[in-house]
Amino acid sequence: GYTPQKPSRKNSSQDPDAVQCWLEETYPGLAARAQREGAEIHWGDELGVDMNDSTGRGYSRIGYTPELKVSGQRFRVNMISTITNGGKVYFMTYLGMLDSALFLLFLERLLKLTNKKVFLIVDRLRAHKSAAVEEWLASRTARIEIFYLPAGAPELHPDEYLNHDTKAAVNATKLPSTRDELQSNLNGFMQKLAQLPRHIMSYFQHPCAQYAAGDV
């Protein structure tokens, strides 16, 4: 009765007790508090897109394999985004590595674009938990609070499914030849996605993220 299947991946450092606590206690409590306080829950994550990222299929006659010409160069563009289960998405593209200064720049822009208090859920990346970020948050508790997912549990993060979608489709039309073209592809893809709230909401229907689909 066995069949060959692609296995799902699970981080070996994941703590099952921490995951269970998140699903049964931490997140339900957070969602209930957001509802009481009129806050909006955002899920934030980062993504790096390579100039040769493309997972689309090609067409050819039987016996012939499609060919995708890729560049020998290597460059990438990064993005930070947040999504809500109501179909909203906010993003910022950037070059280089994410540090606390860039993270705070994104948070400042996010607060300018939102009216409600923000409950932001992110992973435990060092830039998310720096002293500079904690100091910035301390003076803005009426507008934003940050919460951290259990370590090694990306499958619980709805924004990860946006990342998968983006890497698969960002260069679907044409592989870029310059970094500027790649950044344009990424911005264009995200701007189109922002007009598709139902598609964004579908990320919360993944079996591992469905627990977060009804918190608004």
N, C-alpha and C. Protein backbone atom coordinates (compact mmCIF):
# COMPACT_ATOMS: atom_id res chain seq x y z
N GLY A 1 0.79 -1.21 0.00
CA GLY A 1 0.00 0.00 0.00
C GLY A 1 0.83 1.27 0.00
N TYR A 2 2.16 1.16 -0.12
CA TYR A 2 3.01 2.35 -0.11
C TYR A 2 3.19 2.89 -1.53
N THR A 3 3.29 4.19 -1.63
CA THR A 3 3.56 4.83 -2.92
C THR A 3 4.67 5.85 -2.73
N PRO A 4 5.47 6.13 -3.76
CA PRO A 4 6.52 7.15 -3.63
C PRO A 4 5.91 8.53 -3.54
N GLN A 5 6.30 9.31 -2.54
CA GLN A 5 5.75 10.65 -2.34
C GLN A 5 6.87 11.59 -1.92
N LYS A 6 6.69 12.85 -2.25
CA LYS A 6 7.63 13.87 -1.80
C LYS A 6 7.35 14.16 -0.33
N PRO A 7 8.33 13.99 0.55
CA PRO A 7 8.06 14.19 1.98
C PRO A 7 7.90 15.66 2.33
N SER A 8 7.08 15.93 3.32
CA SER A 8 7.03 17.28 3.87
C SER A 8 8.24 17.46 4.77
N ARG A 9 8.71 18.69 4.87
CA ARG A 9 9.92 18.97 5.65
C ARG A 9 9.55 19.54 7.02
N LYS A 10 10.26 19.12 8.02
CA LYS A 10 10.03 19.64 9.37
C LYS A 10 11.39 19.87 10.02
N ASN A 11 11.58 21.05 10.57
CA ASN A 11 12.83 21.42 11.20
C ASN A 11 13.11 20.51 12.39
N SER A 12 14.30 19.93 12.43
CA SER A 12 14.64 18.99 13.49
C SER A 12 14.77 19.68 14.86
N SER A 13 14.92 21.03 14.84
CA SER A 13 15.05 21.76 16.11
C SER A 13 13.69 22.18 16.67
N GLN A 14 12.63 21.87 15.95
CA GLN A 14 11.29 22.27 16.40
C GLN A 14 10.91 21.57 17.70
N ASP A 15 10.32 22.33 18.61
CA ASP A 15 9.87 21.80 19.89
C ASP A 15 8.37 21.52 19.80
N PRO A 16 7.95 20.25 19.76
CA PRO A 16 6.52 19.94 19.63
C PRO A 16 5.66 20.54 20.73
N ASP A 17 6.20 20.62 21.95
CA ASP A 17 5.44 21.21 23.05
C ASP A 17 5.20 22.70 22.82
N ALA A 18 6.22 23.39 22.29
CA ALA A 18 6.08 24.82 22.01
C ALA A 18 5.06 25.05 20.90
N VAL A 19 5.07 24.19 19.90
CA VAL A 19 4.09 24.30 18.81
C VAL A 19 2.68 24.07 19.33
N GLN A 20 2.51 23.04 20.15
CA GLN A 20 1.19 22.75 20.72
C GLN A 20 0.69 23.90 21.58
N CYS A 21 1.61 24.48 22.36
CA CYS A 21 1.25 25.62 23.21
C CYS A 21 0.83 26.81 22.36
N TRP A 22 1.53 27.04 21.26
CA TRP A 22 1.20 28.14 20.36
C TRP A 22 -0.21 27.95 19.77
N LEU A 23 -0.48 26.74 19.32
CA LEU A 23 -1.76 26.45 18.66
C LEU A 23 -2.94 26.44 19.63
N GLU A 24 -2.71 25.95 20.84
CA GLU A 24 -3.82 25.75 21.77
C GLU A 24 -4.00 26.87 22.78
N GLU A 25 -2.93 27.62 23.06
CA GLU A 25 -3.01 28.64 24.09
C GLU A 25 -2.58 30.03 23.61
N THR A 26 -1.34 30.14 23.13
CA THR A 26 -0.79 31.46 22.82
C THR A 26 -1.57 32.17 21.72
N TYR A 27 -1.70 31.51 20.58
CA TYR A 27 -2.38 32.21 19.48
C TYR A 27 -3.87 32.45 19.75
N PRO A 28 -4.62 31.47 20.25
CA PRO A 28 -6.03 31.78 20.57
C PRO A 28 -6.18 32.95 21.54
N GLY A 29 -5.28 33.04 22.52
CA GLY A 29 -5.33 34.16 23.46
C GLY A 29 -5.01 35.47 22.78
N LEU A 30 -4.03 35.43 21.90
CA LEU A 30 -3.65 36.63 21.15
C LEU A 30 -4.80 37.09 20.25
N ALA A 31 -5.45 36.15 19.55
CA ALA A 31 -6.56 36.47 18.66
C ALA A 31 -7.74 37.06 19.43
N ALA A 32 -8.02 36.49 20.60
CA ALA A 32 -9.12 37.00 21.42
C ALA A 32 -8.81 38.42 21.90
N ARG A 33 -7.57 38.64 22.28
CA ARG A 33 -7.17 39.98 22.73
C ARG A 33 -7.25 40.99 21.60
N ALA A 34 -6.85 40.59 20.39
CA ALA A 34 -6.93 41.48 19.23
C ALA A 34 -8.38 41.88 18.96
N GLN A 35 -9.28 40.94 19.10
CA GLN A 35 -10.69 41.23 18.89
C GLN A 35 -11.22 42.21 19.94
N ARG A 36 -10.82 42.01 21.18
CA ARG A 36 -11.26 42.91 22.25
C ARG A 36 -10.74 44.33 22.04
N GLU A 37 -9.49 44.44 21.58
CA GLU A 37 -8.85 45.74 21.48
C GLU A 37 -9.00 46.39 20.11
N GLY A 38 -9.66 45.69 19.19
CA GLY A 38 -9.81 46.24 17.84
C GLY A 38 -8.52 46.28 17.06
N ALA A 39 -7.60 45.37 17.38
CA ALA A 39 -6.31 45.32 16.70
C ALA A 39 -6.40 44.41 15.47
N GLU A 40 -5.46 44.57 14.57
CA GLU A 40 -5.39 43.76 13.35
C GLU A 40 -4.13 42.91 13.40
N ILE A 41 -4.29 41.63 13.17
CA ILE A 41 -3.15 40.71 13.22
C ILE A 41 -2.47 40.66 11.85
N HIS A 42 -1.19 40.95 11.85
CA HIS A 42 -0.37 40.88 10.64
C HIS A 42 0.68 39.79 10.83
N TRP A 43 0.95 39.09 9.73
CA TRP A 43 1.98 38.05 9.73
C TRP A 43 3.11 38.54 8.83
N GLY A 44 4.32 38.69 9.39
CA GLY A 44 5.42 39.26 8.63
C GLY A 44 6.57 38.29 8.41
N ASP A 45 7.19 38.43 7.23
CA ASP A 45 8.33 37.56 6.92
C ASP A 45 9.17 38.21 5.83
N GLU A 46 10.38 37.68 5.64
CA GLU A 46 11.29 38.16 4.60
C GLU A 46 11.49 37.09 3.54
N LEU A 47 11.92 37.56 2.36
CA LEU A 47 12.13 36.66 1.22
C LEU A 47 13.26 37.21 0.37
N GLY A 48 14.10 36.33 -0.14
CA GLY A 48 15.11 36.71 -1.13
C GLY A 48 14.79 36.06 -2.46
N VAL A 49 14.77 36.85 -3.53
CA VAL A 49 14.47 36.34 -4.87
C VAL A 49 15.72 36.43 -5.72
N ASP A 50 16.08 35.33 -6.34
CA ASP A 50 17.26 35.25 -7.20
C ASP A 50 16.88 35.52 -8.64
N MET A 51 17.80 36.03 -9.42
CA MET A 51 17.52 36.35 -10.81
C MET A 51 17.10 35.13 -11.63
N ASN A 52 17.51 33.93 -11.20
CA ASN A 52 17.18 32.72 -11.94
C ASN A 52 16.04 31.93 -11.31
N ASP A 53 15.36 32.52 -10.32
CA ASP A 53 14.23 31.82 -9.70
C ASP A 53 13.09 31.70 -10.70
N SER A 54 12.72 30.48 -11.00
CA SER A 54 11.57 30.22 -11.86
C SER A 54 11.25 28.74 -11.74
N THR A 55 10.04 28.43 -11.33
CA THR A 55 9.65 27.02 -11.18
C THR A 55 8.53 26.65 -12.15
N GLY A 56 8.31 27.53 -13.14
CA GLY A 56 7.24 27.25 -14.10
C GLY A 56 7.59 26.10 -15.03
N ARG A 57 6.60 25.57 -15.70
CA ARG A 57 6.80 24.49 -16.65
C ARG A 57 6.88 25.05 -18.07
N GLY A 58 7.52 24.31 -18.95
CA GLY A 58 7.56 24.66 -20.36
C GLY A 58 6.87 23.58 -21.17
N TYR A 59 6.63 23.87 -22.42
CA TYR A 59 5.98 22.90 -23.31
C TYR A 59 6.95 22.44 -24.39
N SER A 60 6.88 21.16 -24.71
CA SER A 60 7.69 20.63 -25.80
C SER A 60 7.06 19.32 -26.27
N ARG A 61 7.51 18.87 -27.40
CA ARG A 61 7.04 17.58 -27.90
C ARG A 61 7.58 16.45 -27.04
N ILE A 62 6.87 15.33 -27.03
CA ILE A 62 7.30 14.17 -26.26
C ILE A 62 8.70 13.76 -26.70
N GLY A 63 9.55 13.53 -25.73
CA GLY A 63 10.93 13.14 -26.02
C GLY A 63 11.90 14.29 -26.04
N TYR A 64 11.40 15.52 -25.95
CA TYR A 64 12.25 16.70 -25.94
C TYR A 64 12.01 17.49 -24.65
N THR A 65 13.07 17.90 -24.01
CA THR A 65 12.96 18.64 -22.76
C THR A 65 13.02 20.14 -23.03
N PRO A 66 12.07 20.92 -22.48
CA PRO A 66 12.15 22.38 -22.66
C PRO A 66 13.44 22.92 -22.07
N GLU A 67 13.91 24.02 -22.64
CA GLU A 67 15.16 24.62 -22.19
C GLU A 67 14.91 26.04 -21.72
N LEU A 68 15.43 26.38 -20.56
CA LEU A 68 15.33 27.72 -20.02
C LEU A 68 16.73 28.29 -19.92
N LYS A 69 17.00 29.34 -20.68
CA LYS A 69 18.33 29.94 -20.67
C LYS A 69 18.47 30.82 -19.43
N VAL A 70 19.49 30.56 -18.63
CA VAL A 70 19.73 31.34 -17.41
C VAL A 70 21.08 32.03 -17.52
N SER A 71 21.22 33.09 -16.75
CA SER A 71 22.45 33.87 -16.77
C SER A 71 23.49 33.25 -15.85
N GLY A 72 24.75 33.46 -16.19
CA GLY A 72 25.82 33.02 -15.31
C GLY A 72 26.05 33.99 -14.17
N GLN A 73 25.40 35.14 -14.23
CA GLN A 73 25.53 36.12 -13.15
C GLN A 73 24.67 35.70 -11.96
N ARG A 74 24.96 36.29 -10.81
CA ARG A 74 24.17 36.01 -9.62
C ARG A 74 23.87 37.31 -8.90
N PHE A 75 22.60 37.63 -8.80
CA PHE A 75 22.19 38.76 -7.96
C PHE A 75 20.79 38.48 -7.47
N ARG A 76 20.41 39.16 -6.40
CA ARG A 76 19.11 38.93 -5.80
C ARG A 76 18.55 40.22 -5.22
N VAL A 77 17.25 40.20 -5.00
CA VAL A 77 16.55 41.31 -4.37
C VAL A 77 15.74 40.72 -3.22
N ASN A 78 15.66 41.44 -2.12
CA ASN A 78 14.96 40.95 -0.94
C ASN A 78 13.67 41.72 -0.70
N MET A 79 12.80 41.14 0.08
CA MET A 79 11.51 41.76 0.36
C MET A 79 11.08 41.41 1.78
N ILE A 80 10.43 42.36 2.43
CA ILE A 80 9.75 42.09 3.69
C ILE A 80 8.28 42.39 3.45
N SER A 81 7.40 41.54 3.97
CA SER A 81 5.97 41.73 3.73
C SER A 81 5.18 41.33 4.97
N THR A 82 3.96 41.84 5.04
CA THR A 82 2.99 41.34 6.02
C THR A 82 1.68 41.07 5.30
N ILE A 83 0.94 40.08 5.79
CA ILE A 83 -0.38 39.79 5.26
C ILE A 83 -1.36 39.64 6.42
N THR A 84 -2.64 39.82 6.13
CA THR A 84 -3.69 39.58 7.12
C THR A 84 -4.67 38.56 6.54
N ASN A 85 -5.40 37.90 7.42
CA ASN A 85 -6.37 36.92 6.92
C ASN A 85 -7.59 37.58 6.30
N GLY A 86 -7.63 38.92 6.33
CA GLY A 86 -8.67 39.65 5.62
C GLY A 86 -8.27 40.02 4.20
N GLY A 87 -7.06 39.58 3.78
CA GLY A 87 -6.65 39.78 2.39
C GLY A 87 -5.77 40.99 2.13
N LYS A 88 -5.26 41.62 3.17
CA LYS A 88 -4.38 42.77 2.98
C LYS A 88 -2.92 42.31 2.88
N VAL A 89 -2.14 43.05 2.11
CA VAL A 89 -0.71 42.78 2.02
C VAL A 89 0.04 44.11 1.96
N TYR A 90 1.15 44.19 2.69
CA TYR A 90 2.03 45.35 2.67
C TYR A 90 3.44 44.81 2.44
N PHE A 91 4.24 45.54 1.66
CA PHE A 91 5.58 45.01 1.37
C PHE A 91 6.56 46.14 1.10
N MET A 92 7.83 45.79 1.20
CA MET A 92 8.92 46.71 0.86
C MET A 92 10.07 45.87 0.31
N THR A 93 10.59 46.24 -0.85
CA THR A 93 11.75 45.54 -1.41
C THR A 93 13.02 46.30 -1.05
N TYR A 94 14.11 45.57 -0.97
CA TYR A 94 15.38 46.20 -0.58
C TYR A 94 16.54 45.34 -1.05
N LEU A 95 17.72 45.92 -1.06
CA LEU A 95 18.94 45.21 -1.40
C LEU A 95 19.75 44.98 -0.14
N GLY A 96 20.59 43.98 -0.14
CA GLY A 96 21.42 43.72 1.03
C GLY A 96 20.67 42.93 2.09
N MET A 97 21.30 42.83 3.26
CA MET A 97 20.75 42.04 4.34
C MET A 97 19.80 42.88 5.20
N LEU A 98 18.79 42.20 5.77
CA LEU A 98 17.89 42.89 6.69
C LEU A 98 18.59 43.11 8.03
N ASP A 99 18.55 44.35 8.50
CA ASP A 99 19.03 44.65 9.85
C ASP A 99 17.92 45.38 10.59
N SER A 100 18.18 45.75 11.83
CA SER A 100 17.13 46.38 12.63
C SER A 100 16.69 47.71 12.04
N ALA A 101 17.62 48.46 11.42
CA ALA A 101 17.27 49.76 10.83
C ALA A 101 16.26 49.59 9.68
N LEU A 102 16.50 48.61 8.82
CA LEU A 102 15.57 48.34 7.72
C LEU A 102 14.24 47.83 8.24
N PHE A 103 14.28 46.98 9.24
CA PHE A 103 13.05 46.45 9.83
C PHE A 103 12.22 47.59 10.42
N LEU A 104 12.86 48.51 11.10
CA LEU A 104 12.15 49.63 11.69
C LEU A 104 11.60 50.57 10.62
N LEU A 105 12.33 50.73 9.52
CA LEU A 105 11.82 51.54 8.41
C LEU A 105 10.52 50.95 7.88
N PHE A 106 10.50 49.63 7.72
CA PHE A 106 9.28 48.98 7.26
C PHE A 106 8.14 49.16 8.26
N LEU A 107 8.43 48.99 9.54
CA LEU A 107 7.39 49.14 10.56
C LEU A 107 6.82 50.56 10.57
N GLU A 108 7.68 51.55 10.41
CA GLU A 108 7.20 52.93 10.37
C GLU A 108 6.27 53.15 9.18
N ARG A 109 6.63 52.59 8.03
CA ARG A 109 5.77 52.71 6.85
C ARG A 109 4.45 51.96 7.07
N LEU A 110 4.53 50.80 7.71
CA LEU A 110 3.33 50.02 7.96
C LEU A 110 2.34 50.79 8.83
N LEU A 111 2.83 51.44 9.87
CA LEU A 111 1.94 52.19 10.76
C LEU A 111 1.29 53.37 10.06
N LYS A 112 1.98 53.95 9.07
CA LYS A 112 1.40 55.07 8.32
C LYS A 112 0.26 54.60 7.41
N LEU A 113 0.29 53.32 7.05
CA LEU A 113 -0.70 52.79 6.10
C LEU A 113 -1.87 52.09 6.79
N THR A 114 -1.80 51.93 8.10
CA THR A 114 -2.85 51.23 8.83
C THR A 114 -3.45 52.15 9.89
N ASN A 115 -4.74 51.98 10.13
CA ASN A 115 -5.43 52.78 11.13
C ASN A 115 -5.55 52.05 12.47
N LYS A 116 -5.68 50.73 12.40
CA LYS A 116 -5.85 49.94 13.62
C LYS A 116 -4.51 49.66 14.29
N LYS A 117 -4.58 49.29 15.55
CA LYS A 117 -3.38 48.80 16.22
C LYS A 117 -2.94 47.52 15.54
N VAL A 118 -1.63 47.32 15.42
CA VAL A 118 -1.07 46.16 14.73
C VAL A 118 -0.51 45.17 15.75
N PHE A 119 -0.96 43.93 15.65
CA PHE A 119 -0.32 42.81 16.33
C PHE A 119 0.49 42.09 15.25
N LEU A 120 1.79 42.22 15.28
CA LEU A 120 2.64 41.66 14.24
C LEU A 120 3.29 40.36 14.73
N ILE A 121 3.08 39.29 13.97
CA ILE A 121 3.67 37.99 14.29
C ILE A 121 4.81 37.71 13.32
N VAL A 122 5.99 37.47 13.85
CA VAL A 122 7.17 37.20 13.02
C VAL A 122 7.95 36.02 13.60
N ASP A 123 8.97 35.59 12.86
CA ASP A 123 9.83 34.54 13.39
C ASP A 123 10.89 35.17 14.30
N ARG A 124 11.83 34.37 14.73
CA ARG A 124 12.79 34.82 15.74
C ARG A 124 14.11 35.29 15.15
N LEU A 125 14.05 35.87 13.97
CA LEU A 125 15.24 36.44 13.34
C LEU A 125 15.83 37.52 14.25
N ARG A 126 17.17 37.58 14.29
CA ARG A 126 17.84 38.51 15.21
C ARG A 126 17.39 39.95 14.99
N ALA A 127 17.20 40.35 13.73
CA ALA A 127 16.80 41.73 13.43
C ALA A 127 15.44 42.08 14.01
N HIS A 128 14.60 41.07 14.23
CA HIS A 128 13.27 41.30 14.79
C HIS A 128 13.30 41.54 16.30
N LYS A 129 14.40 41.15 16.94
CA LYS A 129 14.44 41.15 18.40
C LYS A 129 15.58 41.99 18.97
N SER A 130 16.14 42.87 18.16
CA SER A 130 17.30 43.66 18.61
C SER A 130 16.89 44.68 19.67
N ALA A 131 17.89 45.20 20.36
CA ALA A 131 17.64 46.21 21.38
C ALA A 131 17.01 47.46 20.77
N ALA A 132 17.44 47.82 19.56
CA ALA A 132 16.88 49.00 18.89
C ALA A 132 15.39 48.82 18.60
N VAL A 133 15.02 47.62 18.19
CA VAL A 133 13.61 47.33 17.91
C VAL A 133 12.80 47.37 19.21
N GLU A 134 13.32 46.76 20.26
CA GLU A 134 12.61 46.76 21.54
C GLU A 134 12.41 48.18 22.08
N GLU A 135 13.43 49.02 21.91
CA GLU A 135 13.33 50.41 22.37
C GLU A 135 12.27 51.16 21.56
N TRP A 136 12.25 50.93 20.24
CA TRP A 136 11.28 51.59 19.36
C TRP A 136 9.86 51.15 19.72
N LEU A 137 9.68 49.87 19.98
CA LEU A 137 8.36 49.34 20.32
C LEU A 137 7.86 49.88 21.65
N ALA A 138 8.77 50.06 22.60
CA ALA A 138 8.40 50.48 23.95
C ALA A 138 7.65 51.80 23.97
N SER A 139 7.95 52.67 23.01
CA SER A 139 7.29 53.98 22.96
C SER A 139 6.07 54.00 22.04
N ARG A 140 5.69 52.81 21.53
CA ARG A 140 4.57 52.75 20.58
C ARG A 140 3.61 51.60 20.91
N THR A 141 3.48 51.29 22.17
CA THR A 141 2.65 50.15 22.55
C THR A 141 1.17 50.35 22.23
N ALA A 142 0.75 51.59 22.04
CA ALA A 142 -0.64 51.85 21.68
C ALA A 142 -0.90 51.58 20.21
N ARG A 143 0.18 51.46 19.42
CA ARG A 143 0.01 51.27 17.98
C ARG A 143 0.47 49.91 17.47
N ILE A 144 1.45 49.31 18.15
CA ILE A 144 1.98 48.05 17.62
C ILE A 144 2.61 47.21 18.73
N GLU A 145 2.40 45.91 18.62
CA GLU A 145 3.10 44.93 19.46
C GLU A 145 3.58 43.80 18.57
N ILE A 146 4.70 43.18 18.96
CA ILE A 146 5.26 42.09 18.18
C ILE A 146 5.22 40.80 19.00
N PHE A 147 4.89 39.71 18.30
CA PHE A 147 4.82 38.38 18.91
C PHE A 147 5.66 37.43 18.04
N TYR A 148 6.21 36.39 18.69
CA TYR A 148 7.15 35.52 17.99
C TYR A 148 6.63 34.09 17.90
N LEU A 149 6.71 33.55 16.69
CA LEU A 149 6.34 32.16 16.46
C LEU A 149 7.31 31.22 17.18
N PRO A 150 6.89 29.99 17.44
CA PRO A 150 7.84 29.01 17.98
C PRO A 150 9.01 28.82 17.02
N ALA A 151 10.17 28.56 17.56
CA ALA A 151 11.37 28.37 16.73
C ALA A 151 11.21 27.15 15.83
N GLY A 152 11.70 27.27 14.61
CA GLY A 152 11.74 26.14 13.69
C GLY A 152 10.39 25.65 13.24
N ALA A 153 9.40 26.55 13.13
CA ALA A 153 8.05 26.13 12.72
C ALA A 153 7.51 27.02 11.60
N PRO A 154 8.21 27.12 10.46
CA PRO A 154 7.75 28.00 9.38
C PRO A 154 6.41 27.57 8.79
N GLU A 155 6.06 26.29 8.93
CA GLU A 155 4.79 25.83 8.36
C GLU A 155 3.58 26.48 9.02
N LEU A 156 3.77 27.03 10.23
CA LEU A 156 2.68 27.70 10.94
C LEU A 156 2.48 29.14 10.47
N HIS A 157 3.35 29.61 9.60
CA HIS A 157 3.42 31.01 9.21
C HIS A 157 2.73 31.22 7.85
N PRO A 158 1.56 31.85 7.80
CA PRO A 158 0.87 32.03 6.52
C PRO A 158 1.68 32.81 5.48
N ASP A 159 2.52 33.75 5.93
CA ASP A 159 3.30 34.54 4.97
C ASP A 159 4.33 33.69 4.23
N GLU A 160 4.69 32.54 4.79
CA GLU A 160 5.61 31.63 4.09
C GLU A 160 4.98 31.14 2.77
N TYR A 161 3.67 31.01 2.73
CA TYR A 161 3.01 30.52 1.52
C TYR A 161 2.96 31.61 0.45
N LEU A 162 2.91 32.86 0.87
CA LEU A 162 3.10 33.96 -0.07
C LEU A 162 4.51 33.90 -0.65
N ASN A 163 5.51 33.64 0.19
CA ASN A 163 6.89 33.55 -0.27
C ASN A 163 7.05 32.47 -1.34
N HIS A 164 6.44 31.32 -1.11
CA HIS A 164 6.52 30.23 -2.09
C HIS A 164 5.89 30.65 -3.41
N ASP A 165 4.74 31.31 -3.32
CA ASP A 165 4.02 31.80 -4.49
C ASP A 165 4.89 32.78 -5.27
N THR A 166 5.53 33.68 -4.54
CA THR A 166 6.33 34.73 -5.16
C THR A 166 7.53 34.15 -5.90
N LYS A 167 8.27 33.27 -5.25
CA LYS A 167 9.46 32.69 -5.89
C LYS A 167 9.10 31.92 -7.15
N ALA A 168 7.90 31.30 -7.15
CA ALA A 168 7.48 30.51 -8.30
C ALA A 168 7.07 31.38 -9.47
N ALA A 169 6.52 32.57 -9.21
CA ALA A 169 5.88 33.34 -10.27
C ALA A 169 6.55 34.66 -10.62
N VAL A 170 7.47 35.15 -9.78
CA VAL A 170 7.99 36.49 -9.99
C VAL A 170 8.68 36.66 -11.34
N ASN A 171 9.36 35.63 -11.82
CA ASN A 171 10.07 35.72 -13.10
C ASN A 171 9.40 34.87 -14.19
N ALA A 172 8.10 34.63 -14.03
CA ALA A 172 7.40 33.73 -14.95
C ALA A 172 7.39 34.26 -16.38
N THR A 173 7.30 35.56 -16.55
CA THR A 173 7.24 36.13 -17.90
C THR A 173 8.59 36.12 -18.58
N LYS A 174 9.63 36.53 -17.84
CA LYS A 174 10.97 36.61 -18.42
C LYS A 174 11.99 36.71 -17.31
N LEU A 175 13.05 35.94 -17.41
CA LEU A 175 14.12 36.05 -16.42
C LEU A 175 14.82 37.40 -16.59
N PRO A 176 15.10 38.10 -15.50
CA PRO A 176 15.71 39.42 -15.61
C PRO A 176 17.19 39.33 -15.96
N SER A 177 17.70 40.41 -16.57
CA SER A 177 19.12 40.46 -16.90
C SER A 177 19.87 41.45 -16.02
N THR A 178 19.13 42.24 -15.22
CA THR A 178 19.76 43.18 -14.31
C THR A 178 19.04 43.14 -12.96
N ARG A 179 19.70 43.66 -11.94
CA ARG A 179 19.08 43.71 -10.62
C ARG A 179 17.86 44.63 -10.62
N ASP A 180 17.94 45.73 -11.35
CA ASP A 180 16.81 46.65 -11.43
C ASP A 180 15.59 45.97 -12.05
N GLU A 181 15.84 45.15 -13.06
CA GLU A 181 14.74 44.43 -13.72
C GLU A 181 14.13 43.41 -12.76
N LEU A 182 14.97 42.74 -11.98
CA LEU A 182 14.47 41.79 -11.00
C LEU A 182 13.62 42.50 -9.94
N GLN A 183 14.09 43.65 -9.46
CA GLN A 183 13.33 44.40 -8.47
C GLN A 183 12.00 44.88 -9.06
N SER A 184 12.01 45.25 -10.34
CA SER A 184 10.78 45.66 -11.01
C SER A 184 9.81 44.48 -11.12
N ASN A 185 10.34 43.30 -11.44
CA ASN A 185 9.49 42.10 -11.50
C ASN A 185 8.83 41.84 -10.15
N LEU A 186 9.63 41.96 -9.08
CA LEU A 186 9.13 41.68 -7.75
C LEU A 186 8.08 42.70 -7.32
N ASN A 187 8.36 43.98 -7.54
CA ASN A 187 7.38 45.01 -7.21
C ASN A 187 6.10 44.84 -8.01
N GLY A 188 6.24 44.51 -9.30
CA GLY A 188 5.07 44.34 -10.14
C GLY A 188 4.21 43.17 -9.70
N PHE A 189 4.86 42.06 -9.35
CA PHE A 189 4.12 40.89 -8.88
C PHE A 189 3.35 41.22 -7.61
N MET A 190 4.01 41.89 -6.66
CA MET A 190 3.37 42.19 -5.39
C MET A 190 2.25 43.21 -5.54
N GLN A 191 2.41 44.16 -6.44
CA GLN A 191 1.35 45.14 -6.68
C GLN A 191 0.10 44.47 -7.25
N LYS A 192 0.30 43.49 -8.13
CA LYS A 192 -0.85 42.74 -8.65
C LYS A 192 -1.49 41.90 -7.54
N LEU A 193 -0.64 41.29 -6.71
CA LEU A 193 -1.15 40.46 -5.62
C LEU A 193 -1.99 41.29 -4.65
N ALA A 194 -1.59 42.54 -4.45
CA ALA A 194 -2.33 43.41 -3.53
C ALA A 194 -3.76 43.66 -4.01
N GLN A 195 -4.02 43.43 -5.29
CA GLN A 195 -5.37 43.61 -5.84
C GLN A 195 -6.18 42.31 -5.80
N LEU A 196 -5.60 41.27 -5.18
CA LEU A 196 -6.26 39.96 -5.15
C LEU A 196 -6.42 39.49 -3.69
N PRO A 197 -7.28 40.15 -2.92
CA PRO A 197 -7.40 39.80 -1.50
C PRO A 197 -7.83 38.35 -1.27
N ARG A 198 -8.65 37.81 -2.12
CA ARG A 198 -9.08 36.42 -1.93
C ARG A 198 -7.91 35.46 -2.10
N HIS A 199 -6.99 35.80 -2.98
CA HIS A 199 -5.81 34.96 -3.15
C HIS A 199 -4.94 35.01 -1.90
N ILE A 200 -4.79 36.19 -1.34
CA ILE A 200 -4.02 36.33 -0.10
C ILE A 200 -4.69 35.54 1.02
N MET A 201 -6.01 35.61 1.09
CA MET A 201 -6.74 34.87 2.11
C MET A 201 -6.55 33.36 1.95
N SER A 202 -6.30 32.93 0.72
CA SER A 202 -6.14 31.48 0.48
C SER A 202 -4.89 30.92 1.17
N TYR A 203 -3.90 31.77 1.46
CA TYR A 203 -2.71 31.29 2.16
C TYR A 203 -3.07 30.77 3.55
N PHE A 204 -4.14 31.31 4.11
CA PHE A 204 -4.58 30.89 5.44
C PHE A 204 -5.40 29.59 5.38
N GLN A 205 -5.63 29.07 4.19
CA GLN A 205 -6.36 27.82 4.05
C GLN A 205 -5.44 26.61 3.93
N HIS A 206 -4.13 26.86 3.92
CA HIS A 206 -3.19 25.73 3.97
C HIS A 206 -3.44 24.99 5.28
N PRO A 207 -3.43 23.64 5.26
CA PRO A 207 -3.74 22.88 6.48
C PRO A 207 -2.95 23.30 7.71
N CYS A 208 -1.70 23.72 7.52
CA CYS A 208 -0.88 24.10 8.68
C CYS A 208 -1.14 25.53 9.15
N ALA A 209 -1.80 26.33 8.32
CA ALA A 209 -2.04 27.73 8.67
C ALA A 209 -3.51 28.03 8.91
N GLN A 210 -4.35 27.04 8.74
CA GLN A 210 -5.79 27.26 8.82
C GLN A 210 -6.23 27.73 10.21
N TYR A 211 -5.45 27.43 11.20
CA TYR A 211 -5.79 27.85 12.57
C TYR A 211 -5.88 29.37 12.67
N ALA A 212 -5.22 30.10 11.73
CA ALA A 212 -5.18 31.56 11.79
C ALA A 212 -6.17 32.21 10.84
N ALA A 213 -7.04 31.42 10.24
CA ALA A 213 -7.93 31.96 9.20
C ALA A 213 -9.09 32.76 9.75
N GLY A 214 -9.42 32.63 11.03
CA GLY A 214 -10.62 33.28 11.53
C GLY A 214 -10.40 34.21 12.69
N ASP A 215 -9.32 34.99 12.68
CA ASP A 215 -9.03 35.81 13.85
C ASP A 215 -9.49 37.26 13.73
N VAL A 216 -10.13 37.64 12.61
CA VAL A 216 -10.59 39.03 12.50
C VAL A 216 -12.03 39.13 12.97
